[in-house]
Amino acid sequence: MLDTNPLMAAKTREMMMEKSREERLVIGCSMFSFARTIVLASILRKNSNISPGDLKRELFLRFYGNDMNKDALNRIALQFASSQ
């Protein structure tokens, strides 16, 4: 999605590139952790009794469901059923 003003996007990139690699890594990890928390809450809101394996599968599908072909996605998702 490109809904940011190009000048603001350039300024944001400039500010980010002024940070050290370590600072950028910490920011990225923090953003991922926050996104994971939101997705987990969403899944649990829909099904509070979900099993641990099904929760892992749903989390995987939400994060990576659009990034690979359906066969590979299903093969990986099936592995979570055995992790309960």
N, C-alpha and C. Protein backbone atom coordinates (compact mmCIF):
# COMPACT_ATOMS: atom_id res chain seq x y z
N MET A 1 0.84 -1.16 0.00
CA MET A 1 0.00 0.00 0.00
C MET A 1 0.89 1.23 0.00
N LEU A 2 0.61 2.15 -0.88
CA LEU A 2 1.39 3.38 -0.96
C LEU A 2 0.49 4.57 -0.69
N ASP A 3 0.14 4.78 0.57
CA ASP A 3 -0.74 5.89 0.91
C ASP A 3 -0.01 7.02 1.63
N THR A 4 1.31 6.93 1.68
CA THR A 4 2.12 7.94 2.36
C THR A 4 2.64 8.96 1.36
N ASN A 5 2.58 10.19 1.75
CA ASN A 5 3.12 11.27 0.92
C ASN A 5 4.59 10.95 0.63
N PRO A 6 5.01 11.04 -0.65
CA PRO A 6 6.39 10.69 -1.01
C PRO A 6 7.45 11.47 -0.23
N LEU A 7 7.20 12.73 0.08
CA LEU A 7 8.17 13.51 0.85
C LEU A 7 8.30 12.98 2.28
N MET A 8 7.17 12.59 2.86
CA MET A 8 7.20 12.04 4.22
C MET A 8 7.85 10.66 4.22
N ALA A 9 7.59 9.88 3.18
CA ALA A 9 8.22 8.56 3.08
C ALA A 9 9.73 8.70 2.98
N ALA A 10 10.18 9.67 2.19
CA ALA A 10 11.62 9.90 2.04
C ALA A 10 12.24 10.36 3.37
N LYS A 11 11.54 11.23 4.08
CA LYS A 11 12.05 11.72 5.37
C LYS A 11 12.10 10.57 6.39
N THR A 12 11.06 9.75 6.40
CA THR A 12 11.04 8.61 7.31
C THR A 12 12.20 7.66 7.01
N ARG A 13 12.42 7.39 5.72
CA ARG A 13 13.55 6.51 5.34
C ARG A 13 14.87 7.13 5.77
N GLU A 14 15.03 8.43 5.53
CA GLU A 14 16.26 9.12 5.92
C GLU A 14 16.50 8.99 7.43
N MET A 15 15.45 9.21 8.21
CA MET A 15 15.58 9.10 9.67
C MET A 15 15.91 7.67 10.10
N MET A 16 15.30 6.71 9.45
CA MET A 16 15.56 5.31 9.79
C MET A 16 17.01 4.93 9.45
N MET A 17 17.49 5.41 8.31
CA MET A 17 18.85 5.05 7.89
C MET A 17 19.92 5.73 8.74
N GLU A 18 19.54 6.76 9.49
CA GLU A 18 20.48 7.39 10.42
C GLU A 18 20.70 6.54 11.66
N LYS A 19 19.81 5.60 11.90
CA LYS A 19 19.93 4.72 13.06
C LYS A 19 20.95 3.61 12.76
N SER A 20 21.50 3.05 13.80
CA SER A 20 22.45 1.95 13.62
C SER A 20 21.70 0.70 13.17
N ARG A 21 22.43 -0.28 12.66
CA ARG A 21 21.82 -1.55 12.26
C ARG A 21 21.13 -2.21 13.45
N GLU A 22 21.76 -2.12 14.60
CA GLU A 22 21.19 -2.73 15.80
C GLU A 22 19.86 -2.06 16.16
N GLU A 23 19.83 -0.71 16.09
CA GLU A 23 18.58 0.00 16.40
C GLU A 23 17.47 -0.38 15.42
N ARG A 24 17.82 -0.49 14.15
CA ARG A 24 16.82 -0.87 13.14
C ARG A 24 16.32 -2.29 13.37
N LEU A 25 17.22 -3.20 13.78
CA LEU A 25 16.81 -4.56 14.09
C LEU A 25 15.84 -4.59 15.27
N VAL A 26 16.16 -3.85 16.32
CA VAL A 26 15.30 -3.80 17.50
C VAL A 26 13.93 -3.25 17.12
N ILE A 27 13.88 -2.21 16.30
CA ILE A 27 12.61 -1.64 15.86
C ILE A 27 11.81 -2.68 15.07
N GLY A 28 12.48 -3.37 14.14
CA GLY A 28 11.79 -4.39 13.35
C GLY A 28 11.27 -5.53 14.20
N CYS A 29 12.06 -5.98 15.16
CA CYS A 29 11.62 -7.06 16.04
C CYS A 29 10.45 -6.61 16.90
N SER A 30 10.50 -5.40 17.37
CA SER A 30 9.41 -4.85 18.17
C SER A 30 8.12 -4.76 17.35
N MET A 31 8.23 -4.34 16.11
CA MET A 31 7.06 -4.25 15.24
C MET A 31 6.47 -5.63 14.98
N PHE A 32 7.33 -6.62 14.75
CA PHE A 32 6.85 -7.98 14.52
C PHE A 32 6.16 -8.52 15.77
N SER A 33 6.75 -8.29 16.92
CA SER A 33 6.18 -8.76 18.17
C SER A 33 4.80 -8.14 18.41
N PHE A 34 4.67 -6.86 18.13
CA PHE A 34 3.39 -6.18 18.30
C PHE A 34 2.35 -6.76 17.33
N ALA A 35 2.75 -6.96 16.07
CA ALA A 35 1.84 -7.53 15.08
C ALA A 35 1.40 -8.93 15.51
N ARG A 36 2.31 -9.72 16.02
CA ARG A 36 1.99 -11.08 16.48
C ARG A 36 0.99 -11.04 17.62
N THR A 37 1.17 -10.11 18.54
CA THR A 37 0.25 -9.96 19.66
C THR A 37 -1.16 -9.63 19.18
N ILE A 38 -1.26 -8.74 18.21
CA ILE A 38 -2.56 -8.36 17.67
C ILE A 38 -3.22 -9.54 16.96
N VAL A 39 -2.45 -10.27 16.16
CA VAL A 39 -3.00 -11.42 15.43
C VAL A 39 -3.44 -12.51 16.40
N LEU A 40 -2.63 -12.80 17.41
CA LEU A 40 -3.02 -13.80 18.41
C LEU A 40 -4.32 -13.40 19.11
N ALA A 41 -4.44 -12.15 19.47
CA ALA A 41 -5.67 -11.69 20.13
C ALA A 41 -6.87 -11.86 19.21
N SER A 42 -6.69 -11.59 17.94
CA SER A 42 -7.77 -11.74 16.97
C SER A 42 -8.21 -13.19 16.85
N ILE A 43 -7.25 -14.09 16.77
CA ILE A 43 -7.56 -15.52 16.67
C ILE A 43 -8.26 -16.01 17.93
N LEU A 44 -7.75 -15.61 19.08
CA LEU A 44 -8.33 -16.05 20.35
C LEU A 44 -9.72 -15.45 20.58
N ARG A 45 -9.96 -14.27 20.05
CA ARG A 45 -11.28 -13.66 20.18
C ARG A 45 -12.32 -14.49 19.43
N LYS A 46 -11.91 -15.03 18.28
CA LYS A 46 -12.82 -15.85 17.48
C LYS A 46 -13.01 -17.24 18.08
N ASN A 47 -11.97 -17.78 18.72
CA ASN A 47 -12.05 -19.14 19.27
C ASN A 47 -11.17 -19.23 20.51
N SER A 48 -11.76 -18.94 21.65
CA SER A 48 -10.98 -18.93 22.90
C SER A 48 -10.57 -20.33 23.35
N ASN A 49 -11.18 -21.37 22.79
CA ASN A 49 -10.86 -22.75 23.17
C ASN A 49 -9.95 -23.44 22.17
N ILE A 50 -9.30 -22.70 21.32
CA ILE A 50 -8.44 -23.27 20.28
C ILE A 50 -7.27 -24.02 20.91
N SER A 51 -6.92 -25.15 20.33
CA SER A 51 -5.79 -25.94 20.84
C SER A 51 -4.47 -25.24 20.51
N PRO A 52 -3.42 -25.55 21.24
CA PRO A 52 -2.12 -24.92 20.96
C PRO A 52 -1.65 -25.16 19.52
N GLY A 53 -1.82 -26.38 19.01
CA GLY A 53 -1.40 -26.67 17.63
C GLY A 53 -2.21 -25.90 16.61
N ASP A 54 -3.53 -25.82 16.83
CA ASP A 54 -4.38 -25.07 15.92
C ASP A 54 -4.07 -23.57 15.99
N LEU A 55 -3.74 -23.09 17.17
CA LEU A 55 -3.37 -21.68 17.31
C LEU A 55 -2.10 -21.38 16.53
N LYS A 56 -1.11 -22.27 16.62
CA LYS A 56 0.13 -22.09 15.86
C LYS A 56 -0.16 -22.11 14.36
N ARG A 57 -1.03 -23.05 13.93
CA ARG A 57 -1.38 -23.14 12.51
C ARG A 57 -2.07 -21.87 12.03
N GLU A 58 -3.03 -21.38 12.80
CA GLU A 58 -3.74 -20.16 12.41
C GLU A 58 -2.81 -18.96 12.36
N LEU A 59 -1.91 -18.89 13.32
CA LEU A 59 -0.92 -17.80 13.32
C LEU A 59 -0.05 -17.88 12.07
N PHE A 60 0.43 -19.08 11.76
CA PHE A 60 1.23 -19.28 10.55
C PHE A 60 0.46 -18.86 9.31
N LEU A 61 -0.79 -19.30 9.20
CA LEU A 61 -1.58 -18.98 8.01
C LEU A 61 -1.83 -17.48 7.88
N ARG A 62 -2.04 -16.81 9.00
CA ARG A 62 -2.29 -15.37 8.95
C ARG A 62 -1.04 -14.61 8.50
N PHE A 63 0.14 -15.07 8.94
CA PHE A 63 1.36 -14.36 8.58
C PHE A 63 1.88 -14.72 7.20
N TYR A 64 1.74 -15.98 6.80
CA TYR A 64 2.38 -16.44 5.57
C TYR A 64 1.41 -16.97 4.52
N GLY A 65 0.12 -16.88 4.77
CA GLY A 65 -0.89 -17.46 3.89
C GLY A 65 -0.89 -16.92 2.47
N ASN A 66 -0.38 -15.73 2.26
CA ASN A 66 -0.36 -15.14 0.92
C ASN A 66 1.03 -15.19 0.27
N ASP A 67 1.98 -15.84 0.94
CA ASP A 67 3.37 -15.79 0.47
C ASP A 67 3.88 -17.05 -0.21
N MET A 68 3.04 -18.08 -0.30
CA MET A 68 3.51 -19.32 -0.94
C MET A 68 2.34 -20.04 -1.58
N ASN A 69 2.65 -21.02 -2.40
CA ASN A 69 1.57 -21.74 -3.08
C ASN A 69 0.81 -22.61 -2.07
N LYS A 70 -0.43 -22.94 -2.44
CA LYS A 70 -1.33 -23.64 -1.51
C LYS A 70 -0.80 -25.00 -1.08
N ASP A 71 -0.13 -25.73 -1.98
CA ASP A 71 0.40 -27.05 -1.61
C ASP A 71 1.44 -26.93 -0.50
N ALA A 72 2.39 -26.03 -0.67
CA ALA A 72 3.43 -25.85 0.34
C ALA A 72 2.81 -25.34 1.64
N LEU A 73 1.88 -24.43 1.52
CA LEU A 73 1.21 -23.87 2.69
C LEU A 73 0.50 -24.97 3.48
N ASN A 74 -0.23 -25.82 2.78
CA ASN A 74 -0.96 -26.90 3.45
C ASN A 74 -0.03 -27.93 4.07
N ARG A 75 1.07 -28.26 3.38
CA ARG A 75 2.05 -29.21 3.95
C ARG A 75 2.61 -28.69 5.27
N ILE A 76 2.95 -27.42 5.28
CA ILE A 76 3.50 -26.83 6.50
C ILE A 76 2.43 -26.74 7.58
N ALA A 77 1.24 -26.28 7.21
CA ALA A 77 0.17 -26.11 8.19
C ALA A 77 -0.21 -27.44 8.85
N LEU A 78 -0.14 -28.53 8.10
CA LEU A 78 -0.45 -29.85 8.67
C LEU A 78 0.51 -30.24 9.78
N GLN A 79 1.73 -29.74 9.72
CA GLN A 79 2.73 -30.07 10.74
C GLN A 79 2.34 -29.55 12.12
N PHE A 80 1.55 -28.48 12.16
CA PHE A 80 1.16 -27.91 13.44
C PHE A 80 0.18 -28.79 14.19
N ALA A 81 -0.58 -29.60 13.47
CA ALA A 81 -1.54 -30.50 14.11
C ALA A 81 -0.82 -31.49 15.02
N SER A 82 0.38 -31.91 14.60
CA SER A 82 1.14 -32.89 15.40
C SER A 82 1.91 -32.23 16.55
N SER A 83 1.90 -30.90 16.62
CA SER A 83 2.65 -30.21 17.67
C SER A 83 1.80 -29.91 18.89
N GLN A 84 0.60 -30.47 18.94
CA GLN A 84 -0.28 -30.20 20.08
C GLN A 84 0.24 -30.96 21.23
